[in-house]
PDB file of N, CA and C in Angstrom:
ATOM      1  N   ILE A   1      -8.563   7.813  -8.586  1.00  0.00           N
ATOM      2  CA  ILE A   1      -6.884   8.053  -8.768  1.00  0.00           C
ATOM      3  C   ILE A   1      -6.381   7.155  -9.725  1.00  0.00           C
ATOM      4  N   THR A   2      -5.524   7.546 -10.525  1.00  0.00           N
ATOM      5  CA  THR A   2      -4.937   6.798 -11.583  1.00  0.00           C
ATOM      6  C   THR A   2      -3.498   6.444 -10.923  1.00  0.00           C
ATOM      7  N   SER A   3      -2.837   5.385 -11.557  1.00  0.00           N
ATOM      8  CA  SER A   3      -1.754   4.881 -11.384  1.00  0.00           C
ATOM      9  C   SER A   3      -0.673   5.840 -11.613  1.00  0.00           C
ATOM     10  N   PRO A   4       0.332   5.955 -11.001  1.00  0.00           N
ATOM     11  CA  PRO A   4       1.413   6.867 -11.111  1.00  0.00           C
ATOM     12  C   PRO A   4       2.531   6.072 -11.978  1.00  0.00           C
ATOM     13  N   THR A   5       2.333   5.292 -12.945  1.00  0.00           N
ATOM     14  CA  THR A   5       3.245   4.464 -13.571  1.00  0.00           C
ATOM     15  C   THR A   5       4.542   5.277 -14.274  1.00  0.00           C
ATOM     16  N   PHE A   6       4.139   6.364 -14.879  1.00  0.00           N
ATOM     17  CA  PHE A   6       5.336   7.242 -15.418  1.00  0.00           C
ATOM     18  C   PHE A   6       6.017   8.154 -14.633  1.00  0.00           C
ATOM     19  N   VAL A   7       5.271   8.447 -13.380  1.00  0.00           N
ATOM     20  CA  VAL A   7       6.110   9.168 -12.505  1.00  0.00           C
ATOM     21  C   VAL A   7       6.740   8.822 -11.338  1.00  0.00           C
ATOM     22  N   PHE A   8       6.477   7.116 -11.049  1.00  0.00           N
ATOM     23  CA  PHE A   8       6.797   6.344 -10.007  1.00  0.00           C
ATOM     24  C   PHE A   8       5.716   6.805  -8.734  1.00  0.00           C
ATOM     25  N   ILE A   9       5.727   8.215  -8.274  1.00  0.00           N
ATOM     26  CA  ILE A   9       5.014   8.792  -7.210  1.00  0.00           C
ATOM     27  C   ILE A   9       4.133   9.649  -7.338  1.00  0.00           C
ATOM     28  N   ASN A  10       2.859   9.548  -6.965  1.00  0.00           N
ATOM     29  CA  ASN A  10       1.850  10.753  -6.952  1.00  0.00           C
ATOM     30  C   ASN A  10       1.364  10.998  -5.505  1.00  0.00           C
ATOM     31  N   GLU A  11       1.505  12.307  -5.193  1.00  0.00           N
ATOM     32  CA  GLU A  11       0.964  12.888  -3.892  1.00  0.00           C
ATOM     33  C   GLU A  11      -0.148  13.287  -3.987  1.00  0.00           C
ATOM     34  N   HIS A  12      -1.233  12.980  -3.159  1.00  0.00           N
ATOM     35  CA  HIS A  12      -2.527  13.363  -3.224  1.00  0.00           C
ATOM     36  C   HIS A  12      -2.818  14.062  -1.938  1.00  0.00           C
ATOM     37  N   GLU A  13      -3.030  15.459  -1.857  1.00  0.00           N
ATOM     38  CA  GLU A  13      -3.316  16.112  -0.629  1.00  0.00           C
ATOM     39  C   GLU A  13      -4.823  15.962  -0.156  1.00  0.00           C
ATOM     40  N   SER A  14      -4.869  15.840   0.889  1.00  0.00           N
ATOM     41  CA  SER A  14      -6.205  15.507   1.653  1.00  0.00           C
ATOM     42  C   SER A  14      -7.176  16.744   1.704  1.00  0.00           C
ATOM     43  N   SER A  15      -8.606  16.735   1.385  1.00  0.00           N
ATOM     44  CA  SER A  15      -9.113  17.895   1.181  1.00  0.00           C
ATOM     45  C   SER A  15      -9.456  18.269   2.751  1.00  0.00           C
ATOM     46  N   GLY A  16      -9.457  17.491   3.727  1.00  0.00           N
ATOM     47  CA  GLY A  16      -9.699  17.993   5.035  1.00  0.00           C
ATOM     48  C   GLY A  16      -8.348  17.983   5.903  1.00  0.00           C
ATOM     49  N   SER A  17      -8.387  17.522   7.186  1.00  0.00           N
ATOM     50  CA  SER A  17      -7.178  17.477   8.068  1.00  0.00           C
ATOM     51  C   SER A  17      -6.476  16.235   8.156  1.00  0.00           C
ATOM     52  N   GLY A  18      -6.885  15.265   7.303  1.00  0.00           N
ATOM     53  CA  GLY A  18      -6.296  14.022   6.981  1.00  0.00           C
ATOM     54  C   GLY A  18      -4.796  14.103   6.445  1.00  0.00           C
ATOM     55  N   PRO A  19      -4.213  13.023   6.445  1.00  0.00           N
ATOM     56  CA  PRO A  19      -2.904  12.925   5.989  1.00  0.00           C
ATOM     57  C   PRO A  19      -2.805  12.729   4.475  1.00  0.00           C
ATOM     58  N   TYR A  20      -1.710  13.058   3.940  1.00  0.00           N
ATOM     59  CA  TYR A  20      -1.566  12.878   2.514  1.00  0.00           C
ATOM     60  C   TYR A  20      -1.856  11.348   2.195  1.00  0.00           C
ATOM     61  N   LEU A  21      -1.854  11.191   0.731  1.00  0.00           N
ATOM     62  CA  LEU A  21      -2.066   9.930   0.495  1.00  0.00           C
ATOM     63  C   LEU A  21      -0.721   9.707  -0.778  1.00  0.00           C
ATOM     64  N   TYR A  22       0.216   8.843  -0.462  1.00  0.00           N
ATOM     65  CA  TYR A  22       1.255   8.718  -1.464  1.00  0.00           C
ATOM     66  C   TYR A  22       0.924   7.495  -2.177  1.00  0.00           C
ATOM     67  N   HIS A  23       0.966   7.406  -3.350  1.00  0.00           N
ATOM     68  CA  HIS A  23       0.520   6.346  -4.366  1.00  0.00           C
ATOM     69  C   HIS A  23       1.822   6.171  -5.223  1.00  0.00           C
ATOM     70  N   VAL A  24       2.530   4.888  -4.860  1.00  0.00           N
ATOM     71  CA  VAL A  24       3.631   4.637  -5.533  1.00  0.00           C
ATOM     72  C   VAL A  24       3.504   3.430  -6.479  1.00  0.00           C
ATOM     73  N   ASP A  25       4.258   3.530  -7.639  1.00  0.00           N
ATOM     74  CA  ASP A  25       4.065   2.270  -8.694  1.00  0.00           C
ATOM     75  C   ASP A  25       5.606   1.928  -8.804  1.00  0.00           C
ATOM     76  N   LEU A  26       5.900   0.686  -8.363  1.00  0.00           N
ATOM     77  CA  LEU A  26       7.385   0.157  -8.558  1.00  0.00           C
ATOM     78  C   LEU A  26       7.431  -0.652  -9.806  1.00  0.00           C
ATOM     79  N   TYR A  27       6.430  -0.704 -10.736  1.00  0.00           N
ATOM     80  CA  TYR A  27       6.395  -1.616 -11.784  1.00  0.00           C
ATOM     81  C   TYR A  27       7.816  -1.382 -12.448  1.00  0.00           C
ATOM     82  N   ARG A  28       8.121  -0.239 -12.690  1.00  0.00           N
ATOM     83  CA  ARG A  28       9.425  -0.071 -13.702  1.00  0.00           C
ATOM     84  C   ARG A  28      10.724  -0.015 -12.930  1.00  0.00           C
ATOM     85  N   ILE A  29      10.862  -0.384 -11.834  1.00  0.00           N
ATOM     86  CA  ILE A  29      12.101  -0.625 -11.031  1.00  0.00           C
ATOM     87  C   ILE A  29      12.652  -1.858 -11.462  1.00  0.00           C
ATOM     88  N   ARG A  30      13.986  -1.991 -11.102  1.00  0.00           N
ATOM     89  CA  ARG A  30      14.585  -3.197 -11.356  1.00  0.00           C
ATOM     90  C   ARG A  30      14.850  -3.898  -9.979  1.00  0.00           C
ATOM     91  N   ASP A  31      15.250  -3.302  -8.729  1.00  0.00           N
ATOM     92  CA  ASP A  31      15.610  -3.833  -7.657  1.00  0.00           C
ATOM     93  C   ASP A  31      15.280  -2.649  -6.517  1.00  0.00           C
ATOM     94  N   ALA A  32      15.502  -3.362  -5.252  1.00  0.00           N
ATOM     95  CA  ALA A  32      15.288  -2.392  -4.072  1.00  0.00           C
ATOM     96  C   ALA A  32      16.113  -1.053  -4.087  1.00  0.00           C
ATOM     97  N   ALA A  33      17.453  -1.274  -4.703  1.00  0.00           N
ATOM     98  CA  ALA A  33      18.198  -0.055  -4.573  1.00  0.00           C
ATOM     99  C   ALA A  33      17.751   0.926  -5.467  1.00  0.00           C
ATOM    100  N   GLU A  34      17.063   0.892  -6.459  1.00  0.00           N
ATOM    101  CA  GLU A  34      16.387   1.830  -7.292  1.00  0.00           C
ATOM    102  C   GLU A  34      15.020   2.428  -6.762  1.00  0.00           C
ATOM    103  N   ALA A  35      14.644   1.740  -5.951  1.00  0.00           N
ATOM    104  CA  ALA A  35      13.348   2.069  -5.209  1.00  0.00           C
ATOM    105  C   ALA A  35      13.974   3.055  -3.987  1.00  0.00           C
ATOM    106  N   PHE A  36      14.906   2.528  -3.321  1.00  0.00           N
ATOM    107  CA  PHE A  36      15.605   3.422  -2.317  1.00  0.00           C
ATOM    108  C   PHE A  36      16.023   4.760  -2.824  1.00  0.00           C
ATOM    109  N   GLY A  37      16.535   4.907  -4.103  1.00  0.00           N
ATOM    110  CA  GLY A  37      16.921   6.004  -4.768  1.00  0.00           C
ATOM    111  C   GLY A  37      15.746   7.012  -5.214  1.00  0.00           C
ATOM    112  N   LEU A  38      14.292   6.537  -5.107  1.00  0.00           N
ATOM    113  CA  LEU A  38      13.449   7.249  -5.330  1.00  0.00           C
ATOM    114  C   LEU A  38      12.998   8.086  -3.851  1.00  0.00           C
ATOM    115  N   GLY A  39      13.545   7.561  -2.971  1.00  0.00           N
ATOM    116  CA  GLY A  39      13.189   8.257  -1.421  1.00  0.00           C
ATOM    117  C   GLY A  39      12.030   7.467  -1.014  1.00  0.00           C
ATOM    118  N   LEU A  40      11.841   6.305  -1.347  1.00  0.00           N
ATOM    119  CA  LEU A  40      10.695   5.491  -0.910  1.00  0.00           C
ATOM    120  C   LEU A  40      10.595   5.575   0.653  1.00  0.00           C
ATOM    121  N   GLU A  41      11.590   5.336   1.433  1.00  0.00           N
ATOM    122  CA  GLU A  41      11.582   5.429   2.886  1.00  0.00           C
ATOM    123  C   GLU A  41      10.946   6.497   3.497  1.00  0.00           C
ATOM    124  N   ASP A  42      11.327   7.654   2.903  1.00  0.00           N
ATOM    125  CA  ASP A  42      10.672   8.985   3.274  1.00  0.00           C
ATOM    126  C   ASP A  42       9.334   9.038   3.257  1.00  0.00           C
ATOM    127  N   TYR A  43       8.834   8.364   2.290  1.00  0.00           N
ATOM    128  CA  TYR A  43       7.326   8.301   2.142  1.00  0.00           C
ATOM    129  C   TYR A  43       6.669   7.096   3.083  1.00  0.00           C
ATOM    130  N   MET A  44       7.316   6.098   3.120  1.00  0.00           N
ATOM    131  CA  MET A  44       6.872   5.023   4.027  1.00  0.00           C
ATOM    132  C   MET A  44       6.951   5.438   5.448  1.00  0.00           C
ATOM    133  N   TYR A  45       7.876   6.161   5.911  1.00  0.00           N
ATOM    134  CA  TYR A  45       7.974   6.528   7.507  1.00  0.00           C
ATOM    135  C   TYR A  45       7.605   8.155   7.690  1.00  0.00           C
ATOM    136  N   GLY A  46       6.816   8.654   6.719  1.00  0.00           N
ATOM    137  CA  GLY A  46       6.429  10.160   6.960  1.00  0.00           C
ATOM    138  C   GLY A  46       5.168  10.244   7.517  1.00  0.00           C
ATOM    139  N   ASP A  47       4.337  11.242   7.554  1.00  0.00           N
ATOM    140  CA  ASP A  47       3.041  11.526   8.030  1.00  0.00           C
ATOM    141  C   ASP A  47       1.960  10.799   7.269  1.00  0.00           C
ATOM    142  N   GLY A  48       2.017  10.526   6.260  1.00  0.00           N
ATOM    143  CA  GLY A  48       1.054  10.253   5.533  1.00  0.00           C
ATOM    144  C   GLY A  48       0.861   8.741   5.242  1.00  0.00           C
ATOM    145  N   VAL A  49      -0.152   8.217   4.270  1.00  0.00           N
ATOM    146  CA  VAL A  49      -0.545   7.003   4.095  1.00  0.00           C
ATOM    147  C   VAL A  49       0.185   6.642   2.782  1.00  0.00           C
ATOM    148  N   THR A  50       1.002   5.534   2.606  1.00  0.00           N
ATOM    149  CA  THR A  50       1.618   5.064   1.396  1.00  0.00           C
ATOM    150  C   THR A  50       1.104   3.867   1.013  1.00  0.00           C
ATOM    151  N   VAL A  51       0.477   3.816  -0.226  1.00  0.00           N
ATOM    152  CA  VAL A  51       0.069   2.572  -0.922  1.00  0.00           C
ATOM    153  C   VAL A  51       1.032   2.307  -2.150  1.00  0.00           C
ATOM    154  N   ILE A  52       1.519   1.080  -2.097  1.00  0.00           N
ATOM    155  CA  ILE A  52       2.720   0.787  -3.140  1.00  0.00           C
ATOM    156  C   ILE A  52       2.191  -0.513  -4.125  1.00  0.00           C
ATOM    157  N   GLU A  53       2.168  -0.159  -5.406  1.00  0.00           N
ATOM    158  CA  GLU A  53       1.974  -1.278  -6.268  1.00  0.00           C
ATOM    159  C   GLU A  53       3.252  -1.783  -6.628  1.00  0.00           C
ATOM    160  N   TRP A  54       3.241  -2.960  -6.826  1.00  0.00           N
ATOM    161  CA  TRP A  54       4.366  -3.734  -7.311  1.00  0.00           C
ATOM    162  C   TRP A  54       5.533  -3.844  -6.098  1.00  0.00           C
ATOM    163  N   ALA A  55       4.907  -3.896  -4.757  1.00  0.00           N
ATOM    164  CA  ALA A  55       5.839  -3.701  -3.654  1.00  0.00           C
ATOM    165  C   ALA A  55       6.946  -4.727  -3.544  1.00  0.00           C
ATOM    166  N   GLU A  56       6.525  -5.966  -4.000  1.00  0.00           N
ATOM    167  CA  GLU A  56       7.329  -7.171  -4.008  1.00  0.00           C
ATOM    168  C   GLU A  56       8.648  -6.834  -4.692  1.00  0.00           C
ATOM    169  N   ARG A  57       8.801  -5.918  -5.465  1.00  0.00           N
ATOM    170  CA  ARG A  57       9.919  -5.526  -6.205  1.00  0.00           C
ATOM    171  C   ARG A  57      11.107  -4.819  -5.354  1.00  0.00           C
ATOM    172  N   ALA A  58      10.727  -4.602  -4.175  1.00  0.00           N
ATOM    173  CA  ALA A  58      11.584  -3.745  -3.139  1.00  0.00           C
ATOM    174  C   ALA A  58      10.955  -4.323  -1.822  1.00  0.00           C
ATOM    175  N   ARG A  59      10.690  -5.499  -1.587  1.00  0.00           N
ATOM    176  CA  ARG A  59      10.336  -6.177  -0.420  1.00  0.00           C
ATOM    177  C   ARG A  59      11.327  -5.925   0.603  1.00  0.00           C
ATOM    178  N   GLU A  60      12.523  -6.168   0.596  1.00  0.00           N
ATOM    179  CA  GLU A  60      13.357  -5.927   1.551  1.00  0.00           C
ATOM    180  C   GLU A  60      13.330  -4.450   2.239  1.00  0.00           C
ATOM    181  N   LEU A  61      12.679  -3.476   1.601  1.00  0.00           N
ATOM    182  CA  LEU A  61      12.624  -2.258   2.250  1.00  0.00           C
ATOM    183  C   LEU A  61      11.304  -1.832   2.885  1.00  0.00           C
ATOM    184  N   MET A  62      10.622  -2.891   2.672  1.00  0.00           N
ATOM    185  CA  MET A  62       9.220  -2.758   3.284  1.00  0.00           C
ATOM    186  C   MET A  62       9.208  -2.784   4.935  1.00  0.00           C
ATOM    187  N   PRO A  63       8.378  -2.145   5.464  1.00  0.00           N
ATOM    188  CA  PRO A  63       8.414  -1.899   6.980  1.00  0.00           C
ATOM    189  C   PRO A  63       7.961  -3.359   7.542  1.00  0.00           C
ATOM    190  N   ALA A  64       8.553  -3.883   8.580  1.00  0.00           N
ATOM    191  CA  ALA A  64       8.255  -4.974   9.028  1.00  0.00           C
ATOM    192  C   ALA A  64       6.495  -5.023   9.833  1.00  0.00           C
ATOM    193  N   GLU A  65       6.280  -3.917   9.918  1.00  0.00           N
ATOM    194  CA  GLU A  65       4.758  -3.581  10.423  1.00  0.00           C
ATOM    195  C   GLU A  65       3.991  -3.087   9.286  1.00  0.00           C
ATOM    196  N   ARG A  66       3.076  -3.626   8.528  1.00  0.00           N
ATOM    197  CA  ARG A  66       2.479  -3.194   7.425  1.00  0.00           C
ATOM    198  C   ARG A  66       1.230  -3.884   7.202  1.00  0.00           C
ATOM    199  N   LEU A  67       0.387  -3.360   6.347  1.00  0.00           N
ATOM    200  CA  LEU A  67      -0.737  -4.341   5.610  1.00  0.00           C
ATOM    201  C   LEU A  67      -0.455  -4.364   4.265  1.00  0.00           C
ATOM    202  N   TRP A  68      -0.225  -5.768   3.972  1.00  0.00           N
ATOM    203  CA  TRP A  68       0.135  -6.277   2.700  1.00  0.00           C
ATOM    204  C   TRP A  68      -1.178  -6.698   1.950  1.00  0.00           C
ATOM    205  N   ILE A  69      -1.617  -6.131   0.983  1.00  0.00           N
ATOM    206  CA  ILE A  69      -2.671  -6.587   0.025  1.00  0.00           C
ATOM    207  C   ILE A  69      -2.552  -7.076  -1.195  1.00  0.00           C
ATOM    208  N   THR A  70      -2.703  -8.452  -1.388  1.00  0.00           N
ATOM    209  CA  THR A  70      -2.530  -9.013  -2.770  1.00  0.00           C
ATOM    210  C   THR A  70      -3.940  -9.270  -3.559  1.00  0.00           C
ATOM    211  N   LEU A  71      -3.801  -8.766  -4.805  1.00  0.00           N
ATOM    212  CA  LEU A  71      -4.974  -8.623  -5.566  1.00  0.00           C
ATOM    213  C   LEU A  71      -4.794  -9.858  -6.648  1.00  0.00           C
ATOM    214  N   SER A  72      -5.690 -10.826  -6.771  1.00  0.00           N
ATOM    215  CA  SER A  72      -5.500 -11.887  -7.800  1.00  0.00           C
ATOM    216  C   SER A  72      -6.560 -11.882  -8.638  1.00  0.00           C
ATOM    217  N   TYR A  73      -6.647 -12.314  -9.843  1.00  0.00           N
ATOM    218  CA  TYR A  73      -7.603 -12.566 -10.743  1.00  0.00           C
ATOM    219  C   TYR A  73      -8.583 -13.578 -10.717  1.00  0.00           C
ATOM    220  N   LEU A  74      -9.702 -13.770 -10.436  1.00  0.00           N
ATOM    221  CA  LEU A  74     -10.370 -15.042 -10.316  1.00  0.00           C
ATOM    222  C   LEU A  74     -11.056 -15.328 -11.615  1.00  0.00           C
ATOM    223  N   ASP A  75     -11.580 -14.295 -12.423  1.00  0.00           N
ATOM    224  CA  ASP A  75     -12.106 -14.625 -13.831  1.00  0.00           C
ATOM    225  C   ASP A  75     -11.914 -13.001 -14.484  1.00  0.00           C
ATOM    226  N   TYR A  76     -12.446 -12.960 -15.549  1.00  0.00           N
ATOM    227  CA  TYR A  76     -12.754 -11.562 -16.230  1.00  0.00           C
ATOM    228  C   TYR A  76     -13.218 -10.586 -15.225  1.00  0.00           C
ATOM    229  N   THR A  77     -14.330 -10.877 -14.473  1.00  0.00           N
ATOM    230  CA  THR A  77     -15.037  -9.816 -13.884  1.00  0.00           C
ATOM    231  C   THR A  77     -14.807 -10.028 -12.328  1.00  0.00           C
ATOM    232  N   LYS A  78     -14.010 -10.843 -11.868  1.00  0.00           N
ATOM    233  CA  LYS A  78     -13.886 -11.095 -10.251  1.00  0.00           C
ATOM    234  C   LYS A  78     -12.506 -11.088 -10.083  1.00  0.00           C
ATOM    235  N   ARG A  79     -12.225 -10.477  -8.806  1.00  0.00           N
ATOM    236  CA  ARG A  79     -10.967 -10.118  -8.324  1.00  0.00           C
ATOM    237  C   ARG A  79     -10.991 -10.805  -6.784  1.00  0.00           C
ATOM    238  N   CYS A  80     -10.017 -11.271  -6.063  1.00  0.00           N
ATOM    239  CA  CYS A  80      -9.744 -11.542  -4.946  1.00  0.00           C
ATOM    240  C   CYS A  80      -8.705 -10.669  -4.121  1.00  0.00           C
ATOM    241  N   LEU A  81      -9.123 -10.394  -2.942  1.00  0.00           N
ATOM    242  CA  LEU A  81      -8.293  -9.398  -2.140  1.00  0.00           C
ATOM    243  C   LEU A  81      -7.784 -10.328  -0.998  1.00  0.00           C
ATOM    244  N   LEU A  82      -6.516 -10.375  -0.827  1.00  0.00           N
ATOM    245  CA  LEU A  82      -5.767 -11.089   0.441  1.00  0.00           C
ATOM    246  C   LEU A  82      -5.051 -10.142   1.270  1.00  0.00           C
ATOM    247  N   PHE A  83      -5.689  -9.938   2.391  1.00  0.00           N
ATOM    248  CA  PHE A  83      -5.204  -9.013   3.646  1.00  0.00           C
ATOM    249  C   PHE A  83      -4.173  -9.767   4.498  1.00  0.00           C
ATOM    250  N   GLU A  84      -3.022  -9.152   4.634  1.00  0.00           N
ATOM    251  CA  GLU A  84      -2.101  -9.726   5.498  1.00  0.00           C
ATOM    252  C   GLU A  84      -1.553  -8.574   6.419  1.00  0.00           C
ATOM    253  N   ALA A  85      -1.761  -8.578   7.710  1.00  0.00           N
ATOM    254  CA  ALA A  85      -1.444  -7.807   8.614  1.00  0.00           C
ATOM    255  C   ALA A  85      -0.261  -8.151   9.475  1.00  0.00           C
ATOM    256  N   THR A  86       0.768  -7.447   9.723  1.00  0.00           N
ATOM    257  CA  THR A  86       1.942  -7.428  10.781  1.00  0.00           C
ATOM    258  C   THR A  86       1.936  -6.211  11.502  1.00  0.00           C
ATOM    259  N   GLY A  87       2.026  -6.551  12.851  1.00  0.00           N
ATOM    260  CA  GLY A  87       2.105  -5.412  13.878  1.00  0.00           C
ATOM    261  C   GLY A  87       0.725  -5.069  14.398  1.00  0.00           C
ATOM    262  N   GLU A  88       0.860  -4.680  15.590  1.00  0.00           N
ATOM    263  CA  GLU A  88      -0.590  -4.480  16.259  1.00  0.00           C
ATOM    264  C   GLU A  88      -1.235  -3.553  15.713  1.00  0.00           C
ATOM    265  N   ARG A  89      -0.818  -2.260  15.284  1.00  0.00           N
ATOM    266  CA  ARG A  89      -1.443  -1.219  14.433  1.00  0.00           C
ATOM    267  C   ARG A  89      -2.315  -1.717  13.137  1.00  0.00           C
ATOM    268  N   TYR A  90      -1.749  -2.604  12.417  1.00  0.00           N
ATOM    269  CA  TYR A  90      -2.447  -3.163  11.211  1.00  0.00           C
ATOM    270  C   TYR A  90      -3.270  -4.405  11.471  1.00  0.00           C
ATOM    271  N   LEU A  91      -2.918  -5.130  12.477  1.00  0.00           N
ATOM    272  CA  LEU A  91      -3.758  -6.260  13.253  1.00  0.00           C
ATOM    273  C   LEU A  91      -5.233  -5.596  13.635  1.00  0.00           C
ATOM    274  N   ASP A  92      -5.117  -4.513  14.163  1.00  0.00           N
ATOM    275  CA  ASP A  92      -6.381  -3.828  14.651  1.00  0.00           C
ATOM    276  C   ASP A  92      -6.930  -3.298  13.498  1.00  0.00           C
ATOM    277  N   LEU A  93      -6.353  -2.826  12.519  1.00  0.00           N
ATOM    278  CA  LEU A  93      -7.103  -2.095  11.300  1.00  0.00           C
ATOM    279  C   LEU A  93      -7.792  -3.126  10.646  1.00  0.00           C
ATOM    280  N   LEU A  94      -7.009  -4.205  10.542  1.00  0.00           N
ATOM    281  CA  LEU A  94      -7.763  -5.258   9.742  1.00  0.00           C
ATOM    282  C   LEU A  94      -8.854  -5.884  10.684  1.00  0.00           C
ATOM    283  N   ALA A  95      -8.771  -6.162  11.856  1.00  0.00           N
ATOM    284  CA  ALA A  95     -10.022  -6.495  12.716  1.00  0.00           C
ATOM    285  C   ALA A  95     -11.290  -5.566  12.641  1.00  0.00           C
ATOM    286  N   LYS A  96     -10.882  -4.330  12.664  1.00  0.00           N
ATOM    287  CA  LYS A  96     -12.071  -3.267  12.232  1.00  0.00           C
ATOM    288  C   LYS A  96     -12.731  -3.419  10.902  1.00  0.00           C
ATOM    289  N   LEU A  97     -11.843  -3.671   9.849  1.00  0.00           N
ATOM    290  CA  LEU A  97     -12.445  -3.995   8.608  1.00  0.00           C
ATOM    291  C   LEU A  97     -13.257  -5.086   8.510  1.00  0.00           C
ATOM    292  N   ARG A  98     -12.877  -6.168   9.261  1.00  0.00           N
ATOM    293  CA  ARG A  98     -13.472  -7.449   9.209  1.00  0.00           C
ATOM    294  C   ARG A  98     -14.757  -7.432  10.078  1.00  0.00           C
ATOM    295  N   ALA A  99     -14.906  -6.456  10.986  1.00  0.00           N
ATOM    296  CA  ALA A  99     -16.227  -6.395  11.656  1.00  0.00           C
ATOM    297  C   ALA A  99     -17.216  -5.523  10.853  1.00  0.00           C
ATOM    298  N   GLU A 100     -16.583  -4.569  10.293  1.00  0.00           N
ATOM    299  CA  GLU A 100     -17.372  -3.708   9.227  1.00  0.00           C
ATOM    300  C   GLU A 100     -17.867  -4.517   8.236  1.00  0.00           C
ATOM    301  N   LEU A 101     -17.169  -5.336   7.326  1.00  0.00           N
ATOM    302  CA  LEU A 101     -17.595  -6.134   6.334  1.00  0.00           C
ATOM    303  C   LEU A 101     -18.479  -7.073   6.755  1.00  0.00           C
ATOM    304  N   TYR A 102     -18.195  -8.026   7.926  1.00  0.00           N
ATOM    305  CA  TYR A 102     -18.835  -8.958   8.341  1.00  0.00           C
ATOM    306  C   TYR A 102     -19.292  -8.973   9.839  1.00  0.00           C
ATOM    307  N   PRO A 103     -20.268  -8.072   9.916  1.00  0.00           N
ATOM    308  CA  PRO A 103     -20.774  -7.763  11.389  1.00  0.00           C
ATOM    309  C   PRO A 103     -21.652  -9.094  11.845  1.00  0.00           C
ATOM    310  N   ARG A 104     -21.301  -9.382  13.313  1.00  0.00           N
ATOM    311  CA  ARG A 104     -21.978 -10.406  13.673  1.00  0.00           C
ATOM    312  C   ARG A 104     -23.350 -10.091  13.951  1.00  0.00           C
ATOM    313  N   LYS A 105     -24.210 -11.548  13.905  1.00  0.00           N
ATOM    314  CA  LYS A 105     -25.820 -10.888  14.025  1.00  0.00           C
ATOM    315  C   LYS A 105     -26.120 -11.674  15.194  1.00  0.00           C
TER     316      LYS A 105
END
């Protein structure tokens, strides 16, 4: 999946019975009002999964319950992912991911 930088939002249909994936790139917006004008809330509160790059540019529009992922560069070939979950659904999702990545022995 490529970044939708020039169209703001790409919609990806599921090949099965799963939900749509909405891939949003807010790099070129100036403020939350501009993001609101894109219909961002329709995607975030719809039936699909919404992934937003540069979400901090419209932080005040983001749902209180969410999974916020921050990507940082450690060096040329290494990245760091920081996962911050708020809300029961996302705390559970993060716990399942943690158990999958770091199973207890």
